[in-house]
C-alpha atoms as a PDB file:
ATOM      1  CA  MET A   1     149.603 179.368  15.469  1.00  0.00           C
ATOM      2  CA  GLU A   2     153.552 181.709  15.610  1.00  0.00           C
ATOM      3  CA  THR A   3     155.357 179.733  12.910  1.00  0.00           C
ATOM      4  CA  MET A   4     159.337 180.665  12.757  1.00  0.00           C
ATOM      5  CA  MET A   5     162.046 179.374  10.614  1.00  0.00           C
ATOM      6  CA  ASP A   6     162.308 176.086  11.482  1.00  0.00           C
ATOM      7  CA  HIS A   7     159.836 175.635  14.161  1.00  0.00           C
ATOM      8  CA  SER A   8     156.547 176.600  15.584  1.00  0.00           C
ATOM      9  CA  ILE A   9     155.047 177.654  18.970  1.00  0.00           C
ATOM     10  CA  GLN A  10     151.555 176.085  19.270  1.00  0.00           C
ATOM     11  CA  PRO A  11     149.390 174.821  22.032  1.00  0.00           C
ATOM     12  CA  LEU A  12     149.628 171.408  23.713  1.00  0.00           C
ATOM     13  CA  ASP A  13     146.377 169.799  24.213  1.00  0.00           C
ATOM     14  CA  THR A  14     146.068 169.263  27.469  1.00  0.00           C
ATOM     15  CA  GLU A  15     142.972 166.633  27.156  1.00  0.00           C
ATOM     16  CA  ASP A  16     145.337 164.220  24.878  1.00  0.00           C
ATOM     17  CA  PRO A  17     146.995 161.659  26.794  1.00  0.00           C
ATOM     18  CA  GLN A  18     149.539 160.927  23.796  1.00  0.00           C
ATOM     19  CA  ALA A  19     150.277 164.778  24.011  1.00  0.00           C
ATOM     20  CA  LEU A  20     151.330 164.830  27.526  1.00  0.00           C
ATOM     21  CA  GLU A  21     153.294 161.671  28.068  1.00  0.00           C
ATOM     22  CA  THR A  22     155.110 162.988  24.671  1.00  0.00           C
ATOM     23  CA  ALA A  23     155.829 166.521  26.534  1.00  0.00           C
ATOM     24  CA  TYR A  24     156.523 164.501  29.678  1.00  0.00           C
ATOM     25  CA  GLU A  25     160.158 164.003  28.981  1.00  0.00           C
ATOM     26  CA  ILE A  26     161.145 168.101  28.281  1.00  0.00           C
ATOM     27  CA  PHE A  27     159.051 168.692  31.061  1.00  0.00           C
ATOM     28  CA  ALA A  28     161.025 166.275  33.460  1.00  0.00           C
ATOM     29  CA  VAL A  29     163.952 168.173  32.480  1.00  0.00           C
ATOM     30  CA  LEU A  30     162.527 171.124  34.845  1.00  0.00           C
ATOM     31  CA  ARG A  31     160.422 168.639  37.397  1.00  0.00           C
ATOM     32  CA  PRO A  32     162.785 165.243  37.667  1.00  0.00           C
ATOM     33  CA  HIS A  33     160.840 164.831  40.710  1.00  0.00           C
ATOM     34  CA  LEU A  34     157.210 163.964  38.957  1.00  0.00           C
ATOM     35  CA  SER A  35     156.502 160.568  37.102  1.00  0.00           C
ATOM     36  CA  LYS A  36     155.044 160.209  34.353  1.00  0.00           C
ATOM     37  CA  THR A  37     151.802 159.489  35.761  1.00  0.00           C
ATOM     38  CA  GLN A  38     152.093 162.218  38.343  1.00  0.00           C
ATOM     39  CA  PHE A  39     152.680 164.694  35.826  1.00  0.00           C
ATOM     40  CA  MET A  40     150.201 163.751  33.944  1.00  0.00           C
ATOM     41  CA  ASP A  41     147.745 164.269  36.689  1.00  0.00           C
ATOM     42  CA  GLN A  42     149.137 167.201  37.530  1.00  0.00           C
ATOM     43  CA  VAL A  43     148.526 169.176  34.625  1.00  0.00           C
ATOM     44  CA  ARG A  44     144.631 167.708  34.171  1.00  0.00           C
ATOM     45  CA  ALA A  45     144.500 168.989  37.784  1.00  0.00           C
ATOM     46  CA  GLN A  46     145.804 172.511  37.307  1.00  0.00           C
ATOM     47  CA  THR A  47     144.475 172.616  33.522  1.00  0.00           C
ATOM     48  CA  ALA A  48     141.180 172.913  35.754  1.00  0.00           C
ATOM     49  CA  GLU A  49     142.512 175.574  37.105  1.00  0.00           C
ATOM     50  CA  GLY A  50     143.235 177.410  33.872  1.00  0.00           C
ATOM     51  CA  TYR A  51     146.885 176.169  33.451  1.00  0.00           C
ATOM     52  CA  ARG A  52     148.059 175.788  29.600  1.00  0.00           C
ATOM     53  CA  ILE A  53     150.841 175.009  28.020  1.00  0.00           C
ATOM     54  CA  VAL A  54     152.437 175.981  24.486  1.00  0.00           C
ATOM     55  CA  VAL A  55     155.271 174.055  23.077  1.00  0.00           C
ATOM     56  CA  ILE A  56     157.738 174.242  20.327  1.00  0.00           C
ATOM     57  CA  GLU A  57     158.828 171.447  17.948  1.00  0.00           C
ATOM     58  CA  GLN A  58     161.515 171.087  15.812  1.00  0.00           C
ATOM     59  CA  ASP A  59     162.101 168.132  13.293  1.00  0.00           C
ATOM     60  CA  ALA A  60     158.626 166.410  15.129  1.00  0.00           C
ATOM     61  CA  GLU A  61     160.239 166.608  18.244  1.00  0.00           C
ATOM     62  CA  ILE A  62     159.349 168.776  21.134  1.00  0.00           C
ATOM     63  CA  VAL A  63     162.284 170.875  22.161  1.00  0.00           C
ATOM     64  CA  ALA A  64     161.391 173.461  24.223  1.00  0.00           C
ATOM     65  CA  ALA A  65     157.427 174.218  26.317  1.00  0.00           C
ATOM     66  CA  ALA A  66     156.218 176.408  28.923  1.00  0.00           C
ATOM     67  CA  GLY A  67     152.829 176.167  31.072  1.00  0.00           C
ATOM     68  CA  TYR A  68     151.087 179.032  32.306  1.00  0.00           C
ATOM     69  CA  ARG A  69     148.051 180.655  33.449  1.00  0.00           C
ATOM     70  CA  VAL A  70     146.202 184.027  33.784  1.00  0.00           C
ATOM     71  CA  ALA A  71     144.991 185.195  37.685  1.00  0.00           C
ATOM     72  CA  THR A  72     143.833 188.051  38.825  1.00  0.00           C
ATOM     73  CA  PHE A  73     145.968 189.148  42.708  1.00  0.00           C
ATOM     74  CA  LEU A  74     145.157 191.951  44.807  1.00  0.00           C
ATOM     75  CA  ALA A  75     149.024 192.726  44.786  1.00  0.00           C
ATOM     76  CA  TRP A  76     149.473 192.799  40.837  1.00  0.00           C
ATOM     77  CA  GLY A  77     145.843 192.802  38.905  1.00  0.00           C
ATOM     78  CA  ARG A  78     145.420 190.499  36.397  1.00  0.00           C
ATOM     79  CA  VAL A  79     148.717 189.020  35.280  1.00  0.00           C
ATOM     80  CA  LEU A  80     149.732 185.759  33.235  1.00  0.00           C
ATOM     81  CA  TYR A  81     151.873 183.695  35.543  1.00  0.00           C
ATOM     82  CA  ILE A  82     154.619 181.299  33.794  1.00  0.00           C
ATOM     83  CA  ASP A  83     154.578 178.461  35.651  1.00  0.00           C
ATOM     84  CA  ASP A  84     156.938 176.365  33.754  1.00  0.00           C
ATOM     85  CA  LEU A  85     159.577 177.631  30.856  1.00  0.00           C
ATOM     86  CA  ILE A  86     162.158 174.567  29.809  1.00  0.00           C
ATOM     87  CA  ALA A  87     164.340 174.074  27.022  1.00  0.00           C
ATOM     88  CA  HIS A  88     165.852 170.673  26.092  1.00  0.00           C
ATOM     89  CA  PRO A  89     169.646 170.850  27.524  1.00  0.00           C
ATOM     90  CA  GLN A  90     171.046 170.076  24.376  1.00  0.00           C
ATOM     91  CA  ARG A  91     169.349 172.468  23.142  1.00  0.00           C
ATOM     92  CA  LYS A  92     170.174 175.609  25.008  1.00  0.00           C
ATOM     93  CA  ARG A  93     171.146 178.765  23.493  1.00  0.00           C
ATOM     94  CA  SER A  94     169.157 177.878  20.594  1.00  0.00           C
ATOM     95  CA  GLY A  95     166.449 181.312  21.130  1.00  0.00           C
ATOM     96  CA  PHE A  96     163.809 178.498  22.076  1.00  0.00           C
ATOM     97  CA  GLY A  97     163.541 179.936  25.701  1.00  0.00           C
ATOM     98  CA  GLY A  98     163.672 183.609  24.178  1.00  0.00           C
ATOM     99  CA  ALA A  99     161.203 182.355  21.574  1.00  0.00           C
ATOM    100  CA  LEU A 100     158.653 181.221  24.057  1.00  0.00           C
ATOM    101  CA  LEU A 101     158.720 183.722  26.755  1.00  0.00           C
ATOM    102  CA  ASP A 102     158.144 186.598  23.863  1.00  0.00           C
ATOM    103  CA  TRP A 103     155.426 184.703  22.700  1.00  0.00           C
ATOM    104  CA  LEU A 104     153.990 184.428  26.672  1.00  0.00           C
ATOM    105  CA  LEU A 105     154.630 188.218  27.005  1.00  0.00           C
ATOM    106  CA  ASP A 106     152.840 188.880  23.627  1.00  0.00           C
ATOM    107  CA  GLU A 107     150.049 186.415  25.303  1.00  0.00           C
ATOM    108  CA  GLY A 108     149.363 188.460  28.290  1.00  0.00           C
ATOM    109  CA  LYS A 109     149.199 191.532  26.618  1.00  0.00           C
ATOM    110  CA  ARG A 110     146.784 190.016  24.001  1.00  0.00           C
ATOM    111  CA  LEU A 111     144.670 188.884  27.203  1.00  0.00           C
ATOM    112  CA  GLY A 112     144.623 191.428  28.751  1.00  0.00           C
ATOM    113  CA  CYS A 113     147.201 190.979  31.877  1.00  0.00           C
ATOM    114  CA  THR A 114     149.493 193.909  33.430  1.00  0.00           C
ATOM    115  CA  ALA A 115     152.028 191.868  33.930  1.00  0.00           C
ATOM    116  CA  ALA A 116     154.020 188.647  33.629  1.00  0.00           C
ATOM    117  CA  HIS A 117     154.997 186.957  36.891  1.00  0.00           C
ATOM    118  CA  LEU A 118     157.201 183.727  37.579  1.00  0.00           C
ATOM    119  CA  ASP A 119     159.189 182.034  40.565  1.00  0.00           C
ATOM    120  CA  THR A 120     162.910 180.957  39.364  1.00  0.00           C
ATOM    121  CA  GLY A 121     165.343 178.753  41.523  1.00  0.00           C
ATOM    122  CA  TYR A 122     168.070 180.681  42.430  1.00  0.00           C
ATOM    123  CA  GLN A 123     170.412 178.535  40.813  1.00  0.00           C
ATOM    124  CA  ARG A 124     169.195 178.807  37.523  1.00  0.00           C
ATOM    125  CA  HIS A 125     171.889 181.566  36.226  1.00  0.00           C
ATOM    126  CA  ASP A 126     171.554 181.300  32.723  1.00  0.00           C
ATOM    127  CA  ALA A 127     167.218 181.265  33.216  1.00  0.00           C
ATOM    128  CA  HIS A 128     168.289 184.663  35.041  1.00  0.00           C
ATOM    129  CA  ARG A 129     170.370 185.969  32.671  1.00  0.00           C
ATOM    130  CA  LEU A 130     167.539 185.513  29.776  1.00  0.00           C
ATOM    131  CA  TYR A 131     164.910 186.982  32.238  1.00  0.00           C
ATOM    132  CA  LEU A 132     166.826 190.174  32.656  1.00  0.00           C
ATOM    133  CA  ASN A 133     167.201 190.448  29.015  1.00  0.00           C
ATOM    134  CA  LYS A 134     163.159 190.109  28.294  1.00  0.00           C
ATOM    135  CA  GLY A 135     162.430 193.127  30.631  1.00  0.00           C
ATOM    136  CA  PHE A 136     162.097 191.036  34.042  1.00  0.00           C
ATOM    137  CA  VAL A 137     163.408 192.610  36.974  1.00  0.00           C
ATOM    138  CA  LEU A 138     163.726 190.783  40.466  1.00  0.00           C
ATOM    139  CA  SER A 139     161.018 192.418  42.635  1.00  0.00           C
ATOM    140  CA  SER A 140     160.338 190.077  45.421  1.00  0.00           C
ATOM    141  CA  HIS A 141     161.604 187.131  47.308  1.00  0.00           C
ATOM    142  CA  HIS A 142     159.643 183.713  47.091  1.00  0.00           C
ATOM    143  CA  MET A 143     159.117 181.697  50.476  1.00  0.00           C
ATOM    144  CA  SER A 144     157.209 178.404  51.078  1.00  0.00           C
ATOM    145  CA  ALA A 145     156.622 176.144  54.328  1.00  0.00           C
ATOM    146  CA  ASP A 146     156.053 172.224  54.006  1.00  0.00           C
ATOM    147  CA  LEU A 147     153.272 171.703  55.187  1.00  0.00           C
ATOM    148  CA  SER A 148     153.300 168.126  54.603  1.00  0.00           C
ATOM    149  CA  SER A 149     155.772 167.945  57.828  1.00  0.00           C
ATOM    150  CA  ARG A 150     153.393 169.976  60.084  1.00  0.00           C
ATOM    151  CA  ASP A 151     151.669 168.366  62.963  1.00  0.00           C
END
């Protein structure tokens, strides 16, 4: 656990239903389309695939969180992939997102990754500034296709 002035970065026990319920509030900021039950089911499924969550707590409240996994790709090799990075909207510009991102980059290096990757919504300008300031570069376009509407 990394301790800073008045908050710490710590792993979230994704096997603990109470911990997941507590984390749902912060994740709902970034993933409002998921109900609490859907979130908990999805995290359990992703955890089986190597997904992990770290959080920053301050005054017994989760104020920021990140979900990530390590994966190996032909295109990039072994990378730390950041699925989710969220800071409480009323705590933005408090340094929590940057602290989590620094932790994630250090964790990727510790785990033998050669790079860190993430996808980000085109409208998330504050997040883009943070990523660029931390050394990320805009290196590709992410494309997707909705398969639920395919006949």
